[in-house]
Amino acid sequence: MIPVVALIGRPNVGKSTLFNVLTRSRDAIVADEPGLTRDRQYGMGRIGPKKFIVVDTGGLSGEQQSLDELMAKQTLLALEEADILLFMVDARAGLTAGDEVIADMVRRSGKPVTVVVNKIDGVSPEQAEAEFYALGFSDLALVAASQRKGVNALVEQVLRDYPQQEETAQESEQGPQIAIIGRPNVGKSTLINRLVGEERVVAYDQPGTTRDSIPVPFERHGKHYTLIDTAGVRRRGKVHETIEKFSVIKTLEAIDRANVVVLVVDARDGITDQDLTLLGYVLDAGRALVIAVNKWDGLEAEQRDYNKRELQRRLSFAGFANVHFISALHGTGVGDVMKSIDQAYASAFRQFPTRQLTDLLEEAVFRHSPPMHHGRRIKLRYAHQGGRNPPIIVIHGSQTEHLNKAYQRYLMSFFIDRLKLKGTPVRIEFKKGENPYAGKRNTLNRRQRAKKQRMMKFVRNKRK
């Protein structure tokens, strides 16, 4: 079970900044202005070996009027969803009446609470710690989220009672785990029933029929699989029923548990912003991906051509995934989906020798050299595999921290193409090589000066 961590606090205390640090993204808008976050924002977090789901919430000012009242409702829902609460406060602003009101609210929730004192840069840590202990919580952490200071220690502190989730490269007895995700009423349950050949889950022409993530084991051609039917994820502004509020959490947990994710898209709507949000969750988790465009048989030829062009344009960043145009109701193209699932699963767990990856790195650099940084070359020396599901390629070199995003994307695309991976992303991690002369510069300078002095003395003696 992946823990759910909710960020609670007044406006402008740094919740969105910490959200971006924990999820290693820029999904939450950050600016020096209160009230930018209104709905709940979800993301997959990972610090070291620990994985968790992060929920960002709108700031609470204590005023129960108009927008602030709506934001308070979103925050209360986040309190119910969460396993752990991070109550964020501002060290520079000090303890306020609003903090005390929020403290009463989170205390009544009965959930484990850690007070996160943010913006401690330029502030006396001892003074900030003493001031916020007055809120009455025993767990307190000091961080500077914008500088990532203290964040790792914070995660270790709040997740100390949760075991590390192991990345397994072995098939379980149930076979590959396949999560079927998508918006409500796109045909996820119908697709599962078609794949297993019987009515295993309720399929009805009404959104919201599936309320939870349902595992469905089945066997095909002598191989075992487990399909995971998930609740449809609506836009947060349209989630009114209390029973639906956990749909995003359950879907994120299903994505993390899965080896392969099938994103089901409604052909009549094309690719929507909510589909792209779900796709972002899959890419953040690094899961193998297959895209199934359902209800394709109900479109006219002209609309099909237009939708194909739009899909190609909007899904260009996920070009590694196979796209299938299917009819789950009638079975058209469904067999090809299973072939792509097998292909994606095999690619996600492939093992590559270091020699092969290093040769490919040299070829990639020869074709397109890394950009210069302040007039100095960025050198990429060798590569090896650092993990599977997804394949992780670790590249060693010098000044690798200065490689821009465009070149990193080039390397990822190059490795996917040359390794003939289909259906899985590749993660590139960079390791900076240690300078063998680090710490010896003064010693070398002394030796050079001594040598120079001996030479000058020799020249003077010879002149005499």
Protein backbone atom coordinates (compact mmCIF):
# COMPACT_ATOMS: atom_id res chain seq x y z
CA MET A 1 0.00 0.00 0.00
CA ILE A 2 1.46 3.35 -1.05
CA PRO A 3 1.04 6.07 1.61
CA VAL A 4 -0.89 9.23 0.68
CA VAL A 5 0.68 12.48 1.92
CA ALA A 6 -1.44 15.68 1.96
CA LEU A 7 0.04 19.19 2.15
CA ILE A 8 -2.10 21.50 4.32
CA GLY A 9 -1.57 25.12 5.31
CA ARG A 10 -2.25 28.81 4.76
CA PRO A 11 -1.77 30.42 1.33
CA ASN A 12 1.79 31.12 0.19
CA VAL A 13 3.57 28.99 2.81
CA GLY A 14 5.25 26.91 0.07
CA LYS A 15 2.94 23.92 -0.41
CA SER A 16 3.16 23.95 -4.21
CA THR A 17 6.94 24.40 -4.09
CA LEU A 18 7.29 21.35 -1.84
CA PHE A 19 4.85 19.43 -4.09
CA ASN A 20 7.08 20.09 -7.10
CA VAL A 21 10.20 19.02 -5.18
CA LEU A 22 8.60 15.79 -3.94
CA THR A 23 7.18 14.87 -7.38
CA ARG A 24 10.23 16.16 -9.30
CA SER A 25 7.91 18.14 -11.57
CA ARG A 26 6.53 21.59 -12.23
CA ASP A 27 2.90 20.51 -12.21
CA ALA A 28 1.89 22.94 -9.46
CA ILE A 29 1.96 26.65 -10.32
CA VAL A 30 4.39 28.51 -8.07
CA ALA A 31 4.50 32.29 -7.62
CA ASP A 32 4.88 34.76 -4.80
CA GLU A 33 1.14 35.29 -4.66
CA PRO A 34 -1.39 33.51 -2.44
CA GLY A 35 -4.39 31.53 -3.69
CA LEU A 36 -3.02 30.01 -6.91
CA THR A 37 -3.87 26.41 -5.98
CA ARG A 38 -7.64 25.83 -5.81
CA ASP A 39 -8.34 22.18 -6.59
CA ARG A 40 -6.49 19.18 -5.21
CA GLN A 41 -3.36 18.34 -7.19
CA TYR A 42 -2.02 14.78 -7.25
CA GLY A 43 1.43 13.45 -8.02
CA MET A 44 3.71 10.43 -7.52
CA GLY A 45 6.55 11.19 -5.13
CA ARG A 46 9.85 9.38 -4.71
CA ILE A 47 12.76 10.29 -2.46
CA GLY A 48 15.41 7.58 -2.52
CA PRO A 49 13.73 4.15 -2.25
CA LYS A 50 10.50 5.51 -0.75
CA LYS A 51 7.42 5.98 -2.95
CA PHE A 52 4.25 7.85 -2.01
CA ILE A 53 1.33 9.85 -3.43
CA VAL A 54 1.35 13.61 -2.77
CA VAL A 55 -1.80 15.76 -2.63
CA ASP A 56 -1.41 19.55 -2.89
CA THR A 57 -4.31 21.65 -1.57
CA GLY A 58 -5.49 25.22 -1.72
CA GLY A 59 -4.40 27.54 1.07
CA LEU A 60 -6.76 28.09 4.00
CA SER A 61 -7.05 31.65 5.28
CA GLY A 62 -9.80 30.95 7.80
CA GLU A 63 -12.44 32.96 5.95
CA GLN A 64 -15.47 30.87 5.00
CA GLN A 65 -16.57 32.96 2.01
CA SER A 66 -16.85 32.31 -1.73
CA LEU A 67 -13.62 30.88 -3.20
CA ASP A 68 -11.99 30.26 0.17
CA GLU A 69 -14.99 28.18 1.22
CA LEU A 70 -14.66 26.02 -1.91
CA MET A 71 -10.94 25.60 -1.29
CA ALA A 72 -11.72 24.57 2.30
CA LYS A 73 -13.99 21.80 0.98
CA GLN A 74 -11.19 20.53 -1.27
CA THR A 75 -8.80 20.55 1.69
CA LEU A 76 -11.27 18.61 3.86
CA LEU A 77 -11.53 15.96 1.13
CA ALA A 78 -7.73 15.76 1.06
CA LEU A 79 -7.74 15.22 4.83
CA GLU A 80 -10.02 12.21 4.37
CA GLU A 81 -7.90 10.76 1.55
CA ALA A 82 -4.55 11.11 3.29
CA ASP A 83 -2.62 8.71 5.49
CA ILE A 84 -0.15 11.42 6.57
CA LEU A 85 -0.63 15.19 6.92
CA LEU A 86 2.16 17.72 6.38
CA PHE A 87 0.97 20.92 8.06
CA MET A 88 3.07 23.66 6.46
CA VAL A 89 3.84 26.98 8.16
CA ASP A 90 6.00 29.98 7.26
CA ALA A 91 9.09 30.56 9.46
CA ARG A 92 9.44 34.15 8.24
CA ALA A 93 5.83 35.07 8.99
CA GLY A 94 5.90 33.31 12.36
CA LEU A 95 2.97 31.71 14.14
CA THR A 96 -0.37 33.26 13.10
CA ALA A 97 -4.00 32.95 14.19
CA GLY A 98 -4.72 31.18 10.87
CA ASP A 99 -2.12 28.51 11.72
CA GLU A 100 -3.85 27.87 15.04
CA VAL A 101 -7.25 27.46 13.32
CA ILE A 102 -5.79 24.96 10.82
CA ALA A 103 -4.00 23.15 13.67
CA ASP A 104 -7.36 22.50 15.36
CA MET A 105 -8.78 21.15 12.08
CA VAL A 106 -5.92 18.72 11.38
CA ARG A 107 -5.86 17.61 15.02
CA ARG A 108 -9.53 16.59 14.78
CA SER A 109 -8.77 14.47 11.70
CA GLY A 110 -6.94 11.91 13.85
CA LYS A 111 -4.27 11.46 11.15
CA PRO A 112 -0.50 11.53 11.85
CA VAL A 113 0.63 15.17 11.53
CA THR A 114 4.09 16.64 11.01
CA VAL A 115 4.49 20.42 11.24
CA VAL A 116 6.75 21.50 8.36
CA VAL A 117 8.39 24.85 9.11
CA ASN A 118 9.28 26.18 5.66
CA LYS A 119 11.47 29.12 4.53
CA ILE A 120 14.02 28.68 7.34
CA ASP A 121 16.78 30.24 5.20
CA GLY A 122 17.76 33.50 6.90
CA VAL A 123 15.79 32.62 10.06
CA SER A 124 17.10 31.25 13.35
CA PRO A 125 16.17 27.52 13.31
CA GLU A 126 16.07 27.35 17.11
CA GLN A 127 13.68 30.29 17.35
CA ALA A 128 11.39 28.93 14.60
CA GLU A 129 11.35 25.50 16.19
CA ALA A 130 10.46 26.86 19.62
CA GLU A 131 7.71 29.12 18.23
CA PHE A 132 5.85 26.39 16.29
CA TYR A 133 6.12 23.75 19.02
CA ALA A 134 3.43 25.91 20.66
CA LEU A 135 0.93 24.35 18.21
CA GLY A 136 1.10 21.18 20.31
CA PHE A 137 2.42 18.66 17.74
CA SER A 138 5.36 16.47 18.69
CA ASP A 139 6.69 15.93 15.12
CA LEU A 140 8.28 19.03 13.59
CA ALA A 141 10.64 19.42 10.62
CA LEU A 142 12.61 22.43 9.35
CA VAL A 143 12.95 22.83 5.56
CA ALA A 144 13.67 25.34 2.82
CA ALA A 145 11.61 23.79 0.00
CA SER A 146 12.81 26.17 -2.71
CA GLN A 147 16.41 25.09 -1.99
CA ARG A 148 15.49 21.42 -1.30
CA LYS A 149 17.07 21.81 2.13
CA GLY A 150 15.83 19.29 4.69
CA VAL A 151 13.35 17.62 2.29
CA ASN A 152 15.01 14.19 2.27
CA ALA A 153 15.15 14.13 6.06
CA LEU A 154 11.47 15.14 6.17
CA VAL A 155 10.41 12.23 3.93
CA GLU A 156 12.49 9.74 5.93
CA GLN A 157 10.88 11.06 9.10
CA VAL A 158 7.24 10.83 7.99
CA LEU A 159 7.62 7.50 6.15
CA ARG A 160 9.70 5.77 8.82
CA ASP A 161 6.85 3.36 9.64
CA TYR A 162 6.17 2.45 5.98
CA PRO A 163 8.24 -0.33 4.37
CA GLN A 164 10.27 0.29 1.26
CA GLN A 165 8.44 -0.73 -1.93
CA GLU A 166 10.64 -3.12 -3.84
CA GLU A 167 10.87 -2.95 -7.63
CA THR A 168 10.31 -6.54 -8.67
CA ALA A 169 11.60 -7.91 -11.95
CA GLN A 170 9.91 -11.25 -11.52
CA GLU A 171 6.40 -12.21 -12.57
CA SER A 172 4.07 -12.99 -9.71
CA GLU A 173 1.81 -16.01 -9.72
CA GLN A 174 -0.89 -13.82 -11.26
CA GLY A 175 1.43 -12.86 -14.13
CA PRO A 176 1.98 -9.32 -15.45
CA GLN A 177 -0.17 -6.66 -13.75
CA ILE A 178 -2.08 -4.60 -16.36
CA ALA A 179 -3.94 -1.46 -15.24
CA ILE A 180 -6.80 -0.29 -17.47
CA ILE A 181 -7.25 3.46 -16.93
CA GLY A 182 -9.23 6.27 -18.54
CA ARG A 183 -12.03 8.77 -18.07
CA PRO A 184 -15.51 7.58 -17.04
CA ASN A 185 -17.57 5.77 -19.67
CA VAL A 186 -14.79 5.26 -22.22
CA GLY A 187 -15.28 1.46 -22.13
CA LYS A 188 -12.67 0.20 -19.66
CA SER A 189 -14.89 -2.48 -18.14
CA THR A 190 -16.17 -3.52 -21.59
CA LEU A 191 -12.58 -3.94 -22.78
CA ILE A 192 -11.73 -6.13 -19.78
CA ASN A 193 -14.78 -8.34 -20.37
CA ARG A 194 -13.78 -8.69 -24.03
CA LEU A 195 -10.18 -9.60 -23.13
CA VAL A 196 -11.18 -12.29 -20.61
CA GLY A 197 -14.08 -13.54 -22.75
CA GLU A 198 -16.81 -13.24 -20.10
CA GLU A 199 -18.73 -10.72 -17.97
CA ARG A 200 -16.29 -10.32 -15.09
CA VAL A 201 -16.94 -6.63 -14.22
CA VAL A 202 -20.05 -4.48 -14.47
CA ALA A 203 -20.21 -2.56 -17.75
CA TYR A 204 -23.01 -0.02 -18.09
CA ASP A 205 -23.55 3.01 -20.31
CA GLN A 206 -23.34 5.42 -17.41
CA PRO A 207 -20.22 7.07 -15.97
CA GLY A 208 -19.10 6.06 -12.49
CA THR A 209 -20.19 2.40 -12.53
CA THR A 210 -16.75 1.24 -11.35
CA ARG A 211 -16.05 2.61 -7.87
CA ASP A 212 -12.78 0.88 -6.94
CA SER A 213 -9.74 -0.81 -8.51
CA ILE A 214 -10.78 -4.41 -9.24
CA PRO A 215 -8.14 -7.12 -9.99
CA VAL A 216 -9.28 -9.61 -12.66
CA PRO A 217 -6.96 -12.64 -13.12
CA PHE A 218 -7.21 -14.58 -16.38
CA GLU A 219 -5.20 -16.86 -18.65
CA ARG A 220 -4.46 -16.43 -22.35
CA HIS A 221 -2.46 -18.88 -24.50
CA GLY A 222 -1.19 -20.59 -21.34
CA LYS A 223 0.10 -17.34 -19.80
CA HIS A 224 -1.33 -15.77 -16.64
CA TYR A 225 -2.29 -12.08 -16.42
CA THR A 226 -4.02 -9.82 -13.90
CA LEU A 227 -6.09 -6.95 -15.27
CA ILE A 228 -6.87 -4.06 -12.94
CA ASP A 229 -10.13 -2.25 -13.69
CA THR A 230 -9.99 1.30 -12.27
CA ALA A 231 -12.57 3.95 -11.54
CA GLY A 232 -12.84 6.63 -14.21
CA VAL A 233 -11.07 9.85 -13.30
CA ARG A 234 -13.18 12.96 -13.92
CA ARG A 235 -12.10 16.55 -13.86
CA ARG A 236 -11.90 17.51 -10.19
CA GLY A 237 -14.47 20.28 -10.71
CA LYS A 238 -17.06 17.63 -11.64
CA VAL A 239 -16.49 15.31 -8.69
CA HIS A 240 -19.43 15.91 -6.39
CA GLU A 241 -20.19 12.55 -4.76
CA THR A 242 -18.16 11.71 -1.67
CA ILE A 243 -17.75 8.10 -2.87
CA GLU A 244 -15.88 9.31 -5.98
CA LYS A 245 -13.25 11.35 -4.17
CA PHE A 246 -10.85 8.40 -3.91
CA SER A 247 -10.85 7.62 -7.67
CA VAL A 248 -7.61 9.47 -8.40
CA ILE A 249 -5.83 7.88 -5.43
CA LYS A 250 -6.97 4.38 -6.45
CA THR A 251 -5.93 4.98 -10.06
CA LEU A 252 -2.48 6.23 -9.02
CA GLU A 253 -2.04 3.18 -6.80
CA ALA A 254 -3.09 0.91 -9.69
CA ILE A 255 -0.59 2.60 -12.02
CA ASP A 256 2.22 2.14 -9.51
CA ARG A 257 1.28 -1.51 -8.95
CA ALA A 258 1.07 -2.28 -12.67
CA ASN A 259 3.75 -3.49 -15.05
CA VAL A 260 1.83 -2.24 -18.10
CA VAL A 261 -0.84 0.48 -18.30
CA VAL A 262 -3.55 0.57 -20.99
CA LEU A 263 -4.95 4.08 -21.44
CA VAL A 264 -8.43 3.85 -22.96
CA VAL A 265 -9.52 6.93 -24.97
CA ASP A 266 -12.98 7.66 -26.38
CA ALA A 267 -12.63 8.03 -30.17
CA ARG A 268 -15.62 10.40 -30.31
CA ASP A 269 -13.92 12.92 -27.98
CA GLY A 270 -10.36 12.46 -29.21
CA ILE A 271 -7.52 13.03 -26.76
CA THR A 272 -8.68 15.37 -23.99
CA ASP A 273 -6.78 17.34 -21.36
CA GLN A 274 -7.87 14.80 -18.74
CA ASP A 275 -6.44 11.98 -20.89
CA LEU A 276 -3.15 13.88 -21.03
CA THR A 277 -3.20 14.30 -17.23
CA LEU A 278 -3.61 10.52 -16.81
CA LEU A 279 -0.83 9.98 -19.35
CA GLY A 280 1.38 12.28 -17.28
CA TYR A 281 0.78 10.08 -14.22
CA VAL A 282 1.88 7.01 -16.22
CA LEU A 283 5.04 8.68 -17.51
CA ASP A 284 5.94 9.98 -14.05
CA ALA A 285 5.65 6.42 -12.72
CA GLY A 286 7.76 5.13 -15.65
CA ARG A 287 5.30 2.41 -16.58
CA ALA A 288 5.06 0.60 -19.91
CA LEU A 289 2.14 1.95 -21.94
CA VAL A 290 -0.39 0.90 -24.57
CA ILE A 291 -3.04 3.33 -25.87
CA ALA A 292 -6.44 1.97 -26.97
CA VAL A 293 -8.76 4.35 -28.85
CA ASN A 294 -12.19 2.80 -28.25
CA LYS A 295 -15.53 3.16 -30.09
CA TRP A 296 -13.64 3.64 -33.36
CA ASP A 297 -16.26 1.78 -35.40
CA GLY A 298 -18.85 4.53 -34.78
CA LEU A 299 -16.90 7.28 -36.60
CA GLU A 300 -17.17 8.51 -40.16
CA ALA A 301 -14.07 8.25 -42.38
CA GLU A 302 -13.45 12.02 -42.32
CA GLN A 303 -13.60 12.14 -38.51
CA ARG A 304 -11.26 9.16 -38.28
CA ASP A 305 -8.63 10.91 -40.39
CA TYR A 306 -8.92 14.08 -38.30
CA ASN A 307 -8.71 12.20 -34.99
CA LYS A 308 -5.64 10.25 -36.15
CA ARG A 309 -3.83 13.50 -37.01
CA GLU A 310 -4.77 15.03 -33.64
CA LEU A 311 -3.64 11.93 -31.76
CA GLN A 312 -0.31 11.93 -33.54
CA ARG A 313 0.19 15.63 -32.77
CA ARG A 314 -0.82 15.56 -29.10
CA LEU A 315 0.85 12.24 -28.27
CA SER A 316 4.22 13.04 -29.85
CA PHE A 317 5.92 12.95 -26.41
CA ALA A 318 4.75 9.32 -25.94
CA GLY A 319 5.87 8.04 -29.32
CA PHE A 320 7.26 4.84 -27.77
CA ALA A 321 3.69 3.55 -27.11
CA ASN A 322 1.62 1.53 -29.59
CA VAL A 323 -1.77 3.08 -30.43
CA HIS A 324 -4.66 0.77 -31.34
CA PHE A 325 -8.04 1.76 -32.78
CA ILE A 326 -10.56 -0.71 -31.39
CA SER A 327 -14.15 -1.51 -30.60
CA ALA A 328 -14.29 -3.19 -27.18
CA LEU A 329 -17.99 -3.91 -27.65
CA HIS A 330 -17.54 -5.83 -30.91
CA GLY A 331 -13.97 -7.07 -30.36
CA THR A 332 -12.37 -5.27 -33.32
CA GLY A 333 -8.59 -4.87 -32.80
CA VAL A 334 -8.64 -6.16 -29.20
CA GLY A 335 -6.27 -9.07 -29.97
CA ASP A 336 -3.62 -6.60 -31.15
CA VAL A 337 -3.86 -4.81 -27.78
CA MET A 338 -2.76 -7.99 -25.99
CA LYS A 339 0.18 -8.41 -28.39
CA SER A 340 1.32 -4.87 -27.57
CA ILE A 341 0.91 -5.56 -23.83
CA ASP A 342 3.23 -8.58 -24.13
CA GLN A 343 5.70 -6.54 -26.18
CA ALA A 344 5.68 -3.62 -23.72
CA TYR A 345 6.13 -5.94 -20.73
CA ALA A 346 9.08 -7.69 -22.37
CA SER A 347 10.73 -4.34 -23.22
CA ALA A 348 10.26 -3.01 -19.68
CA PHE A 349 12.19 -5.96 -18.17
CA ARG A 350 14.98 -6.39 -20.73
CA GLN A 351 18.58 -6.58 -19.52
CA PHE A 352 21.43 -4.90 -21.45
CA PRO A 353 25.20 -5.43 -21.12
CA THR A 354 27.34 -2.43 -20.14
CA ARG A 355 29.45 -2.76 -23.30
CA GLN A 356 26.38 -2.41 -25.54
CA LEU A 357 25.08 0.66 -23.67
CA THR A 358 28.51 2.33 -23.70
CA ASP A 359 28.89 1.72 -27.45
CA LEU A 360 25.46 3.25 -28.05
CA LEU A 361 26.36 6.24 -25.88
CA GLU A 362 29.49 6.81 -27.95
CA GLU A 363 27.42 6.59 -31.14
CA ALA A 364 24.84 9.07 -29.76
CA VAL A 365 27.57 11.55 -28.82
CA PHE A 366 29.27 11.12 -32.21
CA ARG A 367 26.00 11.87 -34.02
CA HIS A 368 25.09 14.82 -31.81
CA SER A 369 27.59 16.19 -29.30
CA PRO A 370 26.42 17.60 -25.97
CA PRO A 371 26.16 21.41 -25.90
CA MET A 372 28.99 23.48 -24.42
CA HIS A 373 28.59 24.95 -20.95
CA HIS A 374 30.41 28.25 -20.38
CA GLY A 375 32.88 27.31 -23.11
CA ARG A 376 33.64 23.88 -21.62
CA ARG A 377 32.69 20.53 -23.12
CA ILE A 378 30.31 18.21 -21.27
CA LYS A 379 31.86 14.75 -21.45
CA LEU A 380 29.81 11.53 -21.36
CA ARG A 381 32.15 8.59 -20.76
CA TYR A 382 30.26 5.32 -20.25
CA ALA A 383 26.81 3.88 -19.46
CA HIS A 384 25.36 0.90 -17.63
CA GLN A 385 21.91 -0.34 -16.66
CA GLY A 386 20.62 0.78 -13.27
CA GLY A 387 17.23 -0.97 -13.11
CA ARG A 388 14.19 -2.32 -14.95
CA ASN A 389 10.49 -1.51 -15.19
CA PRO A 390 11.29 0.97 -16.69
CA PRO A 391 14.82 0.39 -18.03
CA ILE A 392 17.16 2.83 -16.25
CA ILE A 393 20.37 3.82 -18.02
CA VAL A 394 23.03 5.42 -15.82
CA ILE A 395 25.48 7.67 -17.70
CA HIS A 396 28.78 8.72 -16.12
CA GLY A 397 30.63 11.83 -17.17
CA SER A 398 31.75 15.33 -16.20
CA GLN A 399 29.48 18.38 -15.83
CA THR A 400 26.46 16.17 -16.48
CA GLU A 401 24.34 18.38 -14.21
CA HIS A 402 24.50 21.06 -16.93
CA LEU A 403 22.93 18.90 -19.68
CA ASN A 404 19.75 20.60 -20.89
CA LYS A 405 16.37 18.86 -21.14
CA ALA A 406 16.45 18.79 -24.94
CA TYR A 407 19.66 16.74 -25.01
CA GLN A 408 18.34 14.41 -22.32
CA ARG A 409 15.23 13.79 -24.45
CA TYR A 410 17.49 13.14 -27.45
CA LEU A 411 19.40 10.49 -25.50
CA MET A 412 16.20 8.83 -24.30
CA SER A 413 14.77 8.67 -27.85
CA PHE A 414 18.10 7.41 -29.21
CA PHE A 415 18.32 4.53 -26.72
CA ILE A 416 14.65 3.57 -27.26
CA ASP A 417 15.19 3.48 -31.03
CA ARG A 418 18.54 1.66 -31.10
CA LEU A 419 17.57 -0.88 -28.40
CA LYS A 420 14.30 -1.51 -30.28
CA LEU A 421 12.21 -0.95 -27.17
CA LYS A 422 8.48 -0.71 -27.76
CA GLY A 423 5.89 0.35 -25.26
CA THR A 424 8.19 1.43 -22.43
CA PRO A 425 9.90 4.72 -21.60
CA VAL A 426 13.57 4.85 -20.62
CA ARG A 427 14.89 6.76 -17.64
CA ILE A 428 18.28 8.42 -17.99
CA GLU A 429 20.24 9.10 -14.80
CA PHE A 430 23.52 10.99 -14.76
CA LYS A 431 26.47 10.49 -12.43
CA LYS A 432 29.18 13.09 -12.19
CA GLY A 433 32.70 11.67 -12.20
CA GLU A 434 34.98 12.63 -9.33
CA ASN A 435 37.89 14.94 -10.19
CA PRO A 436 41.09 13.00 -9.35
CA TYR A 437 42.89 16.31 -8.70
CA ALA A 438 40.22 17.71 -6.38
CA GLY A 439 41.87 18.87 -3.15
CA LYS A 440 45.38 18.59 -4.67
CA ARG A 441 45.46 21.95 -6.41
CA ASN A 442 47.35 23.73 -3.64
CA THR A 443 49.88 20.91 -3.45
CA LEU A 444 50.49 21.09 -7.21
CA ASN A 445 50.83 24.86 -7.05
CA ARG A 446 53.42 24.58 -4.26
CA ARG A 447 55.39 22.06 -6.29
CA GLN A 448 55.26 24.27 -9.37
CA ARG A 449 56.40 27.31 -7.37
CA ALA A 450 59.27 25.35 -5.82
CA LYS A 451 60.35 24.09 -9.23
CA LYS A 452 60.20 27.62 -10.63
CA GLN A 453 62.30 28.95 -7.75
CA ARG A 454 64.94 26.25 -8.31
CA MET A 455 65.10 27.11 -12.01
CA MET A 456 65.48 30.84 -11.28
CA LYS A 457 68.22 30.10 -8.72
CA PHE A 458 70.02 27.89 -11.27
CA VAL A 459 69.86 30.67 -13.93
CA ARG A 460 71.19 33.32 -11.49
CA ASN A 461 74.11 31.10 -10.41
CA LYS A 462 74.99 30.40 -14.04
CA ARG A 463 75.06 34.14 -14.85
CA LYS A 464 77.49 34.72 -12.01
